[in-house]
Amino acid sequence: MATTLPARLTTIEGDIVPVLLADLSPTGVMLVTDRRFAQSLPPALGVTAWLEFFLDEIEVAGAAVRIRGCKPRGRFQLELGCSFVDLSDGARTSIRSKVAASRIARRR
């Protein structure tokens, strides 16, 4: 599900990085950030980080994500493809419902 939500990523080094959640699924996210926000950017593939965001009634706080891909987007931006490593069942179910509702709305 395409989206534009502000979020916060905490790296293994302890850097708190503002990110934009650009795509969301029950299994992962696509994040966009500016590499100048932290010296730890771009992260190494396979590294774990922690993600926080709010989507309507869904609160995801401290969900572990693994960096699966990283590619430049323009001069300073980075796209980070991440998979959820640790996401509560309630959050995963809520995300799954939001994604399904988004798909149904697009078909209309």
C-alpha atoms as a PDB file:
ATOM      1  CA  MET A   1       0.000   0.000   0.000  1.00  0.00           C
ATOM      2  CA  ALA A   2       1.519   3.305  -1.059  1.00  0.00           C
ATOM      3  CA  THR A   3       1.500   5.897   1.691  1.00  0.00           C
ATOM      4  CA  THR A   4       3.316   9.003   2.902  1.00  0.00           C
ATOM      5  CA  LEU A   5       3.659   8.737   6.658  1.00  0.00           C
ATOM      6  CA  PRO A   6       6.341  10.239   8.852  1.00  0.00           C
ATOM      7  CA  ALA A   7       8.187   7.624  10.873  1.00  0.00           C
ATOM      8  CA  ARG A   8      11.292   7.217  12.975  1.00  0.00           C
ATOM      9  CA  LEU A   9      14.032   4.650  12.481  1.00  0.00           C
ATOM     10  CA  THR A  10      16.538   3.885  15.228  1.00  0.00           C
ATOM     11  CA  THR A  11      19.757   2.320  13.992  1.00  0.00           C
ATOM     12  CA  ILE A  12      21.925  -0.211  15.796  1.00  0.00           C
ATOM     13  CA  GLU A  13      24.367   2.672  16.440  1.00  0.00           C
ATOM     14  CA  GLY A  14      21.599   4.531  18.288  1.00  0.00           C
ATOM     15  CA  ASP A  15      21.013   7.163  15.606  1.00  0.00           C
ATOM     16  CA  ILE A  16      17.394   8.315  15.407  1.00  0.00           C
ATOM     17  CA  VAL A  17      16.631   8.920  11.753  1.00  0.00           C
ATOM     18  CA  PRO A  18      13.488  10.645  10.447  1.00  0.00           C
ATOM     19  CA  VAL A  19      12.059   8.657   7.543  1.00  0.00           C
ATOM     20  CA  LEU A  20       9.044   8.732   5.282  1.00  0.00           C
ATOM     21  CA  LEU A  21       7.124   5.493   5.102  1.00  0.00           C
ATOM     22  CA  ALA A  22       6.455   5.252   1.359  1.00  0.00           C
ATOM     23  CA  ASP A  23       5.059   1.726   1.090  1.00  0.00           C
ATOM     24  CA  LEU A  24       3.560  -0.602   3.676  1.00  0.00           C
ATOM     25  CA  SER A  25       2.684  -4.291   3.691  1.00  0.00           C
ATOM     26  CA  PRO A  26       2.160  -6.872   6.450  1.00  0.00           C
ATOM     27  CA  THR A  27       5.666  -8.197   5.781  1.00  0.00           C
ATOM     28  CA  GLY A  28       7.660  -4.986   5.355  1.00  0.00           C
ATOM     29  CA  VAL A  29       8.060  -1.333   4.441  1.00  0.00           C
ATOM     30  CA  MET A  30       9.796   0.955   1.991  1.00  0.00           C
ATOM     31  CA  LEU A  31      11.350   3.927   3.747  1.00  0.00           C
ATOM     32  CA  VAL A  32      12.754   7.111   2.229  1.00  0.00           C
ATOM     33  CA  THR A  33      15.279   9.233   4.095  1.00  0.00           C
ATOM     34  CA  ASP A  34      18.080  11.708   3.573  1.00  0.00           C
ATOM     35  CA  ARG A  35      21.494  10.138   4.033  1.00  0.00           C
ATOM     36  CA  ARG A  36      22.740  13.337   5.713  1.00  0.00           C
ATOM     37  CA  PHE A  37      20.575  12.646   8.790  1.00  0.00           C
ATOM     38  CA  ALA A  38      23.067  10.178  10.266  1.00  0.00           C
ATOM     39  CA  GLN A  39      26.598   8.962   9.741  1.00  0.00           C
ATOM     40  CA  SER A  40      25.261   5.395   9.899  1.00  0.00           C
ATOM     41  CA  LEU A  41      23.455   5.934   6.571  1.00  0.00           C
ATOM     42  CA  PRO A  42      23.354   4.106   4.275  1.00  0.00           C
ATOM     43  CA  PRO A  43      23.010   1.033   6.489  1.00  0.00           C
ATOM     44  CA  ALA A  44      24.565  -2.293   5.608  1.00  0.00           C
ATOM     45  CA  LEU A  45      22.242  -4.916   4.171  1.00  0.00           C
ATOM     46  CA  GLY A  46      21.005  -7.386   6.773  1.00  0.00           C
ATOM     47  CA  VAL A  47      21.316  -4.920   9.653  1.00  0.00           C
ATOM     48  CA  THR A  48      18.462  -4.694  12.145  1.00  0.00           C
ATOM     49  CA  ALA A  49      16.882  -1.349  13.068  1.00  0.00           C
ATOM     50  CA  TRP A  50      13.756  -0.323  14.963  1.00  0.00           C
ATOM     51  CA  LEU A  51      10.793   1.471  13.424  1.00  0.00           C
ATOM     52  CA  GLU A  52       8.046   3.621  14.927  1.00  0.00           C
ATOM     53  CA  PHE A  53       4.984   4.999  13.131  1.00  0.00           C
ATOM     54  CA  PHE A  54       1.261   5.656  13.496  1.00  0.00           C
ATOM     55  CA  LEU A  55      -1.401   4.860  10.898  1.00  0.00           C
ATOM     56  CA  ASP A  56      -4.884   5.809  12.070  1.00  0.00           C
ATOM     57  CA  GLU A  57      -5.527   3.475  15.017  1.00  0.00           C
ATOM     58  CA  ILE A  58      -2.406   1.407  14.358  1.00  0.00           C
ATOM     59  CA  GLU A  59       0.580   2.185  16.574  1.00  0.00           C
ATOM     60  CA  VAL A  60       3.833   0.479  15.701  1.00  0.00           C
ATOM     61  CA  ALA A  61       6.483   1.282  18.282  1.00  0.00           C
ATOM     62  CA  GLY A  62       9.864  -0.366  18.304  1.00  0.00           C
ATOM     63  CA  ALA A  63       9.177  -2.969  15.620  1.00  0.00           C
ATOM     64  CA  ALA A  64      12.405  -4.638  14.531  1.00  0.00           C
ATOM     65  CA  VAL A  65      13.055  -4.419  10.789  1.00  0.00           C
ATOM     66  CA  ARG A  66      15.869  -5.889   8.710  1.00  0.00           C
ATOM     67  CA  ILE A  67      17.377  -3.811   5.917  1.00  0.00           C
ATOM     68  CA  ARG A  68      16.920  -5.846   2.722  1.00  0.00           C
ATOM     69  CA  GLY A  69      17.762  -3.243   0.101  1.00  0.00           C
ATOM     70  CA  CYS A  70      19.163   0.249  -0.201  1.00  0.00           C
ATOM     71  CA  LYS A  71      19.314   2.399  -3.305  1.00  0.00           C
ATOM     72  CA  PRO A  72      19.919   6.068  -3.999  1.00  0.00           C
ATOM     73  CA  ARG A  73      16.967   8.251  -4.937  1.00  0.00           C
ATOM     74  CA  GLY A  74      18.184  11.564  -6.227  1.00  0.00           C
ATOM     75  CA  ARG A  75      21.210  13.322  -4.838  1.00  0.00           C
ATOM     76  CA  PHE A  76      20.812  12.749  -1.091  1.00  0.00           C
ATOM     77  CA  GLN A  77      17.778  10.517  -0.611  1.00  0.00           C
ATOM     78  CA  LEU A  78      17.870   6.791   0.023  1.00  0.00           C
ATOM     79  CA  GLU A  79      15.180   4.144  -0.391  1.00  0.00           C
ATOM     80  CA  LEU A  80      15.411   1.463   2.257  1.00  0.00           C
ATOM     81  CA  GLY A  81      13.545  -1.782   1.687  1.00  0.00           C
ATOM     82  CA  CYS A  82      12.896  -3.429   5.035  1.00  0.00           C
ATOM     83  CA  SER A  83      11.206  -6.607   6.228  1.00  0.00           C
ATOM     84  CA  PHE A  84       9.547  -6.897   9.616  1.00  0.00           C
ATOM     85  CA  VAL A  85      11.453  -9.147  12.003  1.00  0.00           C
ATOM     86  CA  ASP A  86       9.378  -8.496  15.092  1.00  0.00           C
ATOM     87  CA  LEU A  87       5.865  -7.090  14.661  1.00  0.00           C
ATOM     88  CA  SER A  88       2.990  -7.736  17.042  1.00  0.00           C
ATOM     89  CA  ASP A  89       0.168  -9.925  15.742  1.00  0.00           C
ATOM     90  CA  GLY A  90      -2.311  -7.098  16.346  1.00  0.00           C
ATOM     91  CA  ALA A  91      -0.290  -4.623  14.289  1.00  0.00           C
ATOM     92  CA  ARG A  92       0.230  -7.156  11.487  1.00  0.00           C
ATOM     93  CA  THR A  93      -3.513  -7.921  11.350  1.00  0.00           C
ATOM     94  CA  SER A  94      -4.390  -4.204  11.326  1.00  0.00           C
ATOM     95  CA  ILE A  95      -1.874  -3.515   8.551  1.00  0.00           C
ATOM     96  CA  ARG A  96      -3.231  -6.453   6.546  1.00  0.00           C
ATOM     97  CA  SER A  97      -6.766  -4.992   6.871  1.00  0.00           C
ATOM     98  CA  LYS A  98      -5.600  -1.516   5.781  1.00  0.00           C
ATOM     99  CA  VAL A  99      -3.772  -2.921   2.762  1.00  0.00           C
ATOM    100  CA  ALA A 100      -6.805  -4.985   1.727  1.00  0.00           C
ATOM    101  CA  ALA A 101      -9.123  -1.973   2.105  1.00  0.00           C
ATOM    102  CA  SER A 102      -6.727   0.127   0.008  1.00  0.00           C
ATOM    103  CA  ARG A 103      -6.761  -2.458  -2.788  1.00  0.00           C
ATOM    104  CA  ILE A 104     -10.555  -2.600  -2.779  1.00  0.00           C
ATOM    105  CA  ALA A 105     -10.786   1.206  -2.897  1.00  0.00           C
ATOM    106  CA  ARG A 106      -8.421   1.346  -5.899  1.00  0.00           C
ATOM    107  CA  ARG A 107     -10.568  -1.101  -7.850  1.00  0.00           C
ATOM    108  CA  ARG A 108     -13.620   1.144  -7.640  1.00  0.00           C
END
